[in-house]
């Protein structure tokens, strides 16, 4: 028979100590991996944030440039509107420069004998005439003569009253008439 050998070494304690060392090593490795994951995640977040901050800064600078360009465009539009308004005023003055001459010429041509104008006032498309006439019939004749022209329309008598001018007894009148604006005649060959 073989002798029975008894192991008196503390194998259970050694195995437990070995398992504890293995657990401690694994715990340190897992803690290190966890810490590394946290550090890597934190670095990744910091890099992502700084990249986004750089993009935001770039976008803000580009937006500021665009805002300046928009302000310049607005100023250019305002200048363009001002220039167009000036151009329109000049064009209207150019087209109406002979209108005053035509207006006074027609008023004088249609004036019957015995009727005198003392004031002519223009307000927009209206003309206020006042003067003296030897009789109210001459005022009616003048109104019909003005109505027959292409420059004037709708003469309206405001009032006629008796007045004394010097030693003469006359009728003082006032009337309103509308001016019709016509395109000025163009020279031959010009549009």
C-alpha atoms as a PDB file:
ATOM      1  CA  UNK A   1       0.000   0.000   0.000  1.00  0.00           C
ATOM      2  CA  UNK A   2       0.971   3.316  -0.666  1.00  0.00           C
ATOM      3  CA  UNK A   3       1.424   5.601   2.019  1.00  0.00           C
ATOM      4  CA  UNK A   4      -1.059   8.402   2.355  1.00  0.00           C
ATOM      5  CA  UNK A   5       0.485  11.690   2.013  1.00  0.00           C
ATOM      6  CA  UNK A   6      -1.007  14.594   3.694  1.00  0.00           C
ATOM      7  CA  UNK A   7      -0.261  17.981   2.382  1.00  0.00           C
ATOM      8  CA  UNK A   8       0.131  20.225   5.273  1.00  0.00           C
ATOM      9  CA  UNK A   9       0.793  23.297   3.167  1.00  0.00           C
ATOM     10  CA  UNK A  10      -1.918  25.871   3.312  1.00  0.00           C
ATOM     11  CA  UNK A  11      -3.057  25.392  -0.291  1.00  0.00           C
ATOM     12  CA  UNK A  12      -6.440  26.920   0.294  1.00  0.00           C
ATOM     13  CA  UNK A  13      -4.923  30.058   1.697  1.00  0.00           C
ATOM     14  CA  UNK A  14      -2.463  30.169  -1.197  1.00  0.00           C
ATOM     15  CA  UNK A  15      -5.220  29.741  -3.725  1.00  0.00           C
ATOM     16  CA  UNK A  16      -7.294  32.425  -2.021  1.00  0.00           C
ATOM     17  CA  UNK A  17      -4.271  34.741  -1.934  1.00  0.00           C
ATOM     18  CA  UNK A  18      -3.639  34.003  -5.595  1.00  0.00           C
ATOM     19  CA  UNK A  19      -7.302  34.761  -6.430  1.00  0.00           C
ATOM     20  CA  UNK A  20      -7.142  37.967  -4.400  1.00  0.00           C
ATOM     21  CA  UNK A  21      -3.991  39.055  -6.267  1.00  0.00           C
ATOM     22  CA  UNK A  22      -5.649  38.173  -9.560  1.00  0.00           C
ATOM     23  CA  UNK A  23      -8.786  40.117  -8.523  1.00  0.00           C
ATOM     24  CA  UNK A  24      -6.689  43.112  -7.477  1.00  0.00           C
ATOM     25  CA  UNK A  25      -4.765  43.056 -10.782  1.00  0.00           C
ATOM     26  CA  UNK A  26      -8.003  42.755 -12.750  1.00  0.00           C
ATOM     27  CA  UNK A  27      -9.592  45.537 -10.649  1.00  0.00           C
ATOM     28  CA  UNK A  28      -6.588  47.775 -11.315  1.00  0.00           C
ATOM     29  CA  UNK A  29      -6.745  46.946 -15.054  1.00  0.00           C
ATOM     30  CA  UNK A  30     -10.500  47.598 -15.187  1.00  0.00           C
ATOM     31  CA  UNK A  31     -10.091  50.834 -13.184  1.00  0.00           C
ATOM     32  CA  UNK A  32      -7.248  51.865 -15.500  1.00  0.00           C
ATOM     33  CA  UNK A  33      -9.327  51.046 -18.574  1.00  0.00           C
ATOM     34  CA  UNK A  34     -12.281  52.967 -17.107  1.00  0.00           C
ATOM     35  CA  UNK A  35     -10.051  55.924 -16.287  1.00  0.00           C
ATOM     36  CA  UNK A  36      -8.532  55.754 -19.784  1.00  0.00           C
ATOM     37  CA  UNK A  37     -12.027  55.655 -21.315  1.00  0.00           C
ATOM     38  CA  UNK A  38     -13.054  58.687 -19.253  1.00  0.00           C
ATOM     39  CA  UNK A  39      -9.878  60.567 -20.225  1.00  0.00           C
ATOM     40  CA  UNK A  40     -10.275  59.644 -23.911  1.00  0.00           C
ATOM     41  CA  UNK A  41     -13.949  60.664 -23.796  1.00  0.00           C
ATOM     42  CA  UNK A  42     -13.059  63.951 -22.081  1.00  0.00           C
ATOM     43  CA  UNK A  43     -10.331  64.694 -24.641  1.00  0.00           C
ATOM     44  CA  UNK A  44     -12.744  63.860 -27.447  1.00  0.00           C
ATOM     45  CA  UNK A  45     -15.385  66.208 -25.973  1.00  0.00           C
ATOM     46  CA  UNK A  46     -12.815  68.991 -25.552  1.00  0.00           C
ATOM     47  CA  UNK A  47     -11.620  68.535 -29.148  1.00  0.00           C
ATOM     48  CA  UNK A  48     -15.188  68.496 -30.467  1.00  0.00           C
ATOM     49  CA  UNK A  49     -16.076  71.603 -28.445  1.00  0.00           C
ATOM     50  CA  UNK A  50     -13.002  73.495 -29.595  1.00  0.00           C
ATOM     51  CA  UNK A  51     -13.703  72.511 -33.233  1.00  0.00           C
ATOM     52  CA  UNK A  52     -17.299  73.722 -32.848  1.00  0.00           C
ATOM     53  CA  UNK A  53     -16.064  76.952 -31.220  1.00  0.00           C
ATOM     54  CA  UNK A  54     -13.723  77.507 -34.182  1.00  0.00           C
ATOM     55  CA  UNK A  55     -16.626  76.930 -36.589  1.00  0.00           C
ATOM     56  CA  UNK A  56     -18.847  79.305 -34.595  1.00  0.00           C
ATOM     57  CA  UNK A  57     -16.129  81.969 -34.590  1.00  0.00           C
ATOM     58  CA  UNK A  58     -15.672  81.565 -38.343  1.00  0.00           C
ATOM     59  CA  UNK A  59     -19.427  81.799 -38.913  1.00  0.00           C
ATOM     60  CA  UNK A  60     -19.695  84.884 -36.707  1.00  0.00           C
ATOM     61  CA  UNK A  61     -16.893  86.612 -38.600  1.00  0.00           C
ATOM     62  CA  UNK A  62     -18.516  85.727 -41.945  1.00  0.00           C
ATOM     63  CA  UNK A  63     -21.907  86.949 -40.664  1.00  0.00           C
ATOM     64  CA  UNK A  64     -20.273  90.234 -39.622  1.00  0.00           C
ATOM     65  CA  UNK A  65     -18.772  90.564 -43.132  1.00  0.00           C
ATOM     66  CA  UNK A  66     -22.171  89.857 -44.684  1.00  0.00           C
ATOM     67  CA  UNK A  67     -23.825  92.408 -42.377  1.00  0.00           C
ATOM     68  CA  UNK A  68     -21.340  95.016 -43.603  1.00  0.00           C
ATOM     69  CA  UNK A  69     -22.067  94.059 -47.199  1.00  0.00           C
ATOM     70  CA  UNK A  70     -25.821  94.258 -46.530  1.00  0.00           C
ATOM     71  CA  UNK A  71     -25.349  97.742 -45.040  1.00  0.00           C
ATOM     72  CA  UNK A  72     -23.348  98.785 -48.115  1.00  0.00           C
ATOM     73  CA  UNK A  73     -26.042  97.374 -50.399  1.00  0.00           C
ATOM     74  CA  UNK A  74     -28.703  99.294 -48.452  1.00  0.00           C
ATOM     75  CA  UNK A  75     -26.684 102.499 -48.800  1.00  0.00           C
ATOM     76  CA  UNK A  76     -26.271 101.838 -52.519  1.00  0.00           C
ATOM     77  CA  UNK A  77     -30.019 101.250 -52.868  1.00  0.00           C
ATOM     78  CA  UNK A  78     -30.731 104.496 -51.026  1.00  0.00           C
ATOM     79  CA  UNK A  79     -28.280 106.350 -53.257  1.00  0.00           C
ATOM     80  CA  UNK A  80     -29.850 104.732 -56.313  1.00  0.00           C
ATOM     81  CA  UNK A  81     -33.334 105.794 -55.172  1.00  0.00           C
ATOM     82  CA  UNK A  82     -32.087 109.337 -54.554  1.00  0.00           C
ATOM     83  CA  UNK A  83     -30.443 109.451 -57.978  1.00  0.00           C
ATOM     84  CA  UNK A  84     -33.591 108.088 -59.640  1.00  0.00           C
ATOM     85  CA  UNK A  85     -35.698 110.700 -57.851  1.00  0.00           C
ATOM     86  CA  UNK A  86     -33.327 113.436 -59.015  1.00  0.00           C
ATOM     87  CA  UNK A  87     -33.368 112.027 -62.535  1.00  0.00           C
ATOM     88  CA  UNK A  88     -37.178 112.032 -62.529  1.00  0.00           C
ATOM     89  CA  UNK A  89     -37.245 115.642 -61.312  1.00  0.00           C
ATOM     90  CA  UNK A  90     -34.806 116.675 -64.023  1.00  0.00           C
ATOM     91  CA  UNK A  91     -36.803 114.786 -66.653  1.00  0.00           C
ATOM     92  CA  UNK A  92     -40.059 116.375 -65.516  1.00  0.00           C
ATOM     93  CA  UNK A  93     -38.444 119.814 -65.555  1.00  0.00           C
ATOM     94  CA  UNK A  94     -37.038 119.091 -68.984  1.00  0.00           C
ATOM     95  CA  UNK A  95     -40.403 117.962 -70.341  1.00  0.00           C
ATOM     96  CA  UNK A  96     -42.299 120.859 -68.698  1.00  0.00           C
ATOM     97  CA  UNK A  97     -39.851 123.660 -69.403  1.00  0.00           C
ATOM     98  CA  UNK A  98     -41.908 125.020 -72.294  1.00  0.00           C
ATOM     99  CA  UNK A  99     -45.211 124.569 -70.467  1.00  0.00           C
ATOM    100  CA  UNK A 100     -45.086 127.967 -68.735  1.00  0.00           C
ATOM    101  CA  UNK A 101     -44.417 129.713 -72.046  1.00  0.00           C
ATOM    102  CA  UNK A 102     -47.269 127.835 -73.734  1.00  0.00           C
ATOM    103  CA  UNK A 103     -49.530 128.565 -70.768  1.00  0.00           C
ATOM    104  CA  UNK A 104     -48.962 132.345 -70.825  1.00  0.00           C
ATOM    105  CA  UNK A 105     -49.115 132.401 -74.628  1.00  0.00           C
ATOM    106  CA  UNK A 106     -52.525 130.691 -74.659  1.00  0.00           C
ATOM    107  CA  UNK A 107     -53.827 132.914 -71.870  1.00  0.00           C
ATOM    108  CA  UNK A 108     -52.781 136.012 -73.790  1.00  0.00           C
ATOM    109  CA  UNK A 109     -54.051 134.782 -77.193  1.00  0.00           C
ATOM    110  CA  UNK A 110     -57.506 133.918 -75.829  1.00  0.00           C
ATOM    111  CA  UNK A 111     -57.843 137.176 -73.897  1.00  0.00           C
ATOM    112  CA  UNK A 112     -60.738 139.187 -75.383  1.00  0.00           C
ATOM    113  CA  UNK A 113     -60.592 142.946 -75.715  1.00  0.00           C
ATOM    114  CA  UNK A 114     -61.789 144.732 -72.587  1.00  0.00           C
ATOM    115  CA  UNK A 115     -60.588 142.006 -70.174  1.00  0.00           C
ATOM    116  CA  UNK A 116     -57.388 142.337 -68.114  1.00  0.00           C
ATOM    117  CA  UNK A 117     -55.734 139.759 -65.874  1.00  0.00           C
ATOM    118  CA  UNK A 118     -54.291 140.972 -62.594  1.00  0.00           C
ATOM    119  CA  UNK A 119     -53.032 137.625 -61.188  1.00  0.00           C
ATOM    120  CA  UNK A 120     -52.343 134.091 -62.355  1.00  0.00           C
ATOM    121  CA  UNK A 121     -51.569 131.436 -59.724  1.00  0.00           C
ATOM    122  CA  UNK A 122     -50.781 127.813 -60.436  1.00  0.00           C
ATOM    123  CA  UNK A 123     -51.375 125.130 -57.841  1.00  0.00           C
ATOM    124  CA  UNK A 124     -50.600 121.657 -59.162  1.00  0.00           C
ATOM    125  CA  UNK A 125     -52.844 121.107 -62.194  1.00  0.00           C
ATOM    126  CA  UNK A 126     -55.090 124.036 -61.318  1.00  0.00           C
ATOM    127  CA  UNK A 127     -54.792 127.640 -62.373  1.00  0.00           C
ATOM    128  CA  UNK A 128     -56.490 130.506 -60.515  1.00  0.00           C
ATOM    129  CA  UNK A 129     -57.121 133.590 -62.676  1.00  0.00           C
ATOM    130  CA  UNK A 130     -58.357 136.922 -61.452  1.00  0.00           C
ATOM    131  CA  UNK A 131     -58.769 140.218 -63.253  1.00  0.00           C
ATOM    132  CA  UNK A 132     -61.065 142.981 -64.478  1.00  0.00           C
ATOM    133  CA  UNK A 133     -63.537 142.976 -67.360  1.00  0.00           C
ATOM    134  CA  UNK A 134     -65.695 145.692 -68.863  1.00  0.00           C
ATOM    135  CA  UNK A 135     -68.669 143.335 -68.747  1.00  0.00           C
ATOM    136  CA  UNK A 136     -69.530 139.861 -67.460  1.00  0.00           C
ATOM    137  CA  UNK A 137     -70.154 138.793 -71.083  1.00  0.00           C
ATOM    138  CA  UNK A 138     -66.422 139.223 -71.771  1.00  0.00           C
ATOM    139  CA  UNK A 139     -65.684 136.882 -68.844  1.00  0.00           C
ATOM    140  CA  UNK A 140     -68.039 134.282 -70.384  1.00  0.00           C
ATOM    141  CA  UNK A 141     -66.335 134.715 -73.762  1.00  0.00           C
ATOM    142  CA  UNK A 142     -62.951 134.206 -72.130  1.00  0.00           C
ATOM    143  CA  UNK A 143     -64.163 131.050 -70.346  1.00  0.00           C
ATOM    144  CA  UNK A 144     -65.454 129.591 -73.643  1.00  0.00           C
ATOM    145  CA  UNK A 145     -62.210 130.492 -75.391  1.00  0.00           C
ATOM    146  CA  UNK A 146     -60.181 128.740 -72.686  1.00  0.00           C
ATOM    147  CA  UNK A 147     -62.414 125.665 -72.857  1.00  0.00           C
ATOM    148  CA  UNK A 148     -61.820 125.405 -76.622  1.00  0.00           C
ATOM    149  CA  UNK A 149     -58.037 125.102 -76.207  1.00  0.00           C
ATOM    150  CA  UNK A 150     -56.259 121.812 -75.788  1.00  0.00           C
ATOM    151  CA  UNK A 151     -54.203 123.210 -72.897  1.00  0.00           C
ATOM    152  CA  UNK A 152     -57.100 124.138 -70.588  1.00  0.00           C
ATOM    153  CA  UNK A 153     -60.262 122.365 -69.521  1.00  0.00           C
ATOM    154  CA  UNK A 154     -63.207 122.894 -67.182  1.00  0.00           C
ATOM    155  CA  UNK A 155     -63.073 126.654 -66.519  1.00  0.00           C
ATOM    156  CA  UNK A 156     -65.166 127.446 -63.444  1.00  0.00           C
ATOM    157  CA  UNK A 157     -66.212 130.957 -62.514  1.00  0.00           C
ATOM    158  CA  UNK A 158     -65.726 131.578 -58.811  1.00  0.00           C
ATOM    159  CA  UNK A 159     -67.168 135.072 -58.564  1.00  0.00           C
ATOM    160  CA  UNK A 160     -67.908 138.270 -60.458  1.00  0.00           C
ATOM    161  CA  UNK A 161     -68.438 141.504 -58.570  1.00  0.00           C
ATOM    162  CA  UNK A 162     -68.646 145.160 -59.447  1.00  0.00           C
ATOM    163  CA  UNK A 163     -65.532 147.198 -58.686  1.00  0.00           C
ATOM    164  CA  UNK A 164     -64.179 150.694 -59.207  1.00  0.00           C
ATOM    165  CA  UNK A 165     -60.742 150.988 -60.862  1.00  0.00           C
ATOM    166  CA  UNK A 166     -59.706 154.580 -61.168  1.00  0.00           C
ATOM    167  CA  UNK A 167     -62.679 156.380 -62.683  1.00  0.00           C
ATOM    168  CA  UNK A 168     -64.027 153.326 -64.477  1.00  0.00           C
ATOM    169  CA  UNK A 169     -66.669 150.980 -63.214  1.00  0.00           C
ATOM    170  CA  UNK A 170     -65.639 147.363 -64.063  1.00  0.00           C
ATOM    171  CA  UNK A 171     -66.429 143.785 -63.110  1.00  0.00           C
ATOM    172  CA  UNK A 172     -63.803 142.058 -60.980  1.00  0.00           C
ATOM    173  CA  UNK A 173     -63.746 138.300 -61.572  1.00  0.00           C
ATOM    174  CA  UNK A 174     -61.950 135.177 -60.399  1.00  0.00           C
ATOM    175  CA  UNK A 175     -62.032 131.771 -62.037  1.00  0.00           C
ATOM    176  CA  UNK A 176     -60.329 128.410 -61.837  1.00  0.00           C
ATOM    177  CA  UNK A 177     -59.272 126.305 -64.780  1.00  0.00           C
ATOM    178  CA  UNK A 178     -57.517 122.942 -65.027  1.00  0.00           C
ATOM    179  CA  UNK A 179     -54.346 122.476 -67.052  1.00  0.00           C
ATOM    180  CA  UNK A 180     -54.098 119.406 -69.281  1.00  0.00           C
ATOM    181  CA  UNK A 181     -50.564 118.126 -69.547  1.00  0.00           C
ATOM    182  CA  UNK A 182     -49.670 117.017 -73.013  1.00  0.00           C
ATOM    183  CA  UNK A 183     -46.486 115.454 -74.233  1.00  0.00           C
ATOM    184  CA  UNK A 184     -44.300 118.141 -75.769  1.00  0.00           C
ATOM    185  CA  UNK A 185     -43.960 117.908 -79.520  1.00  0.00           C
ATOM    186  CA  UNK A 186     -40.901 115.974 -80.543  1.00  0.00           C
ATOM    187  CA  UNK A 187     -38.461 117.113 -83.166  1.00  0.00           C
ATOM    188  CA  UNK A 188     -38.351 115.235 -86.448  1.00  0.00           C
ATOM    189  CA  UNK A 189     -36.243 112.094 -86.162  1.00  0.00           C
ATOM    190  CA  UNK A 190     -36.262 112.155 -82.342  1.00  0.00           C
ATOM    191  CA  UNK A 191     -38.361 109.633 -80.405  1.00  0.00           C
END
